[in-house]
Amino acid sequence: MNFLFGGLAAFPKIAHYALDNDLTLKDAALKLGFVTEAEFDKVFRAHEAPTEVPEHTIDASEAVDGRIRLANVLRQAGAASAMS
């Protein structure tokens, strides 16, 4: 299983679909085909670590008062294409 149902970049799609269709993240991920129920339960019910966890180095130059916006972190990690 890839981290977060087929890759970190898939998570925003799952989250938007869940919000748009009044679904849980699990139901959205299943409906979109990013994960099986067993894979989801392994990570979120059994609290087992996913088999693949990518690491990203974050450029701290965007930090303000020692903090960095989540949108910036997601963009730098490749999980979001632009800041909003």
Foldseek 3Di string as FASTA:
>chain_A
DEPPQQDLLCQVVLVVQCVVVVHDSLVSSVVVVSDDPVQVCVCPVVVDDDPDDDDFDADCPCDDPSDHDPQSVCCRVVNDVDRD
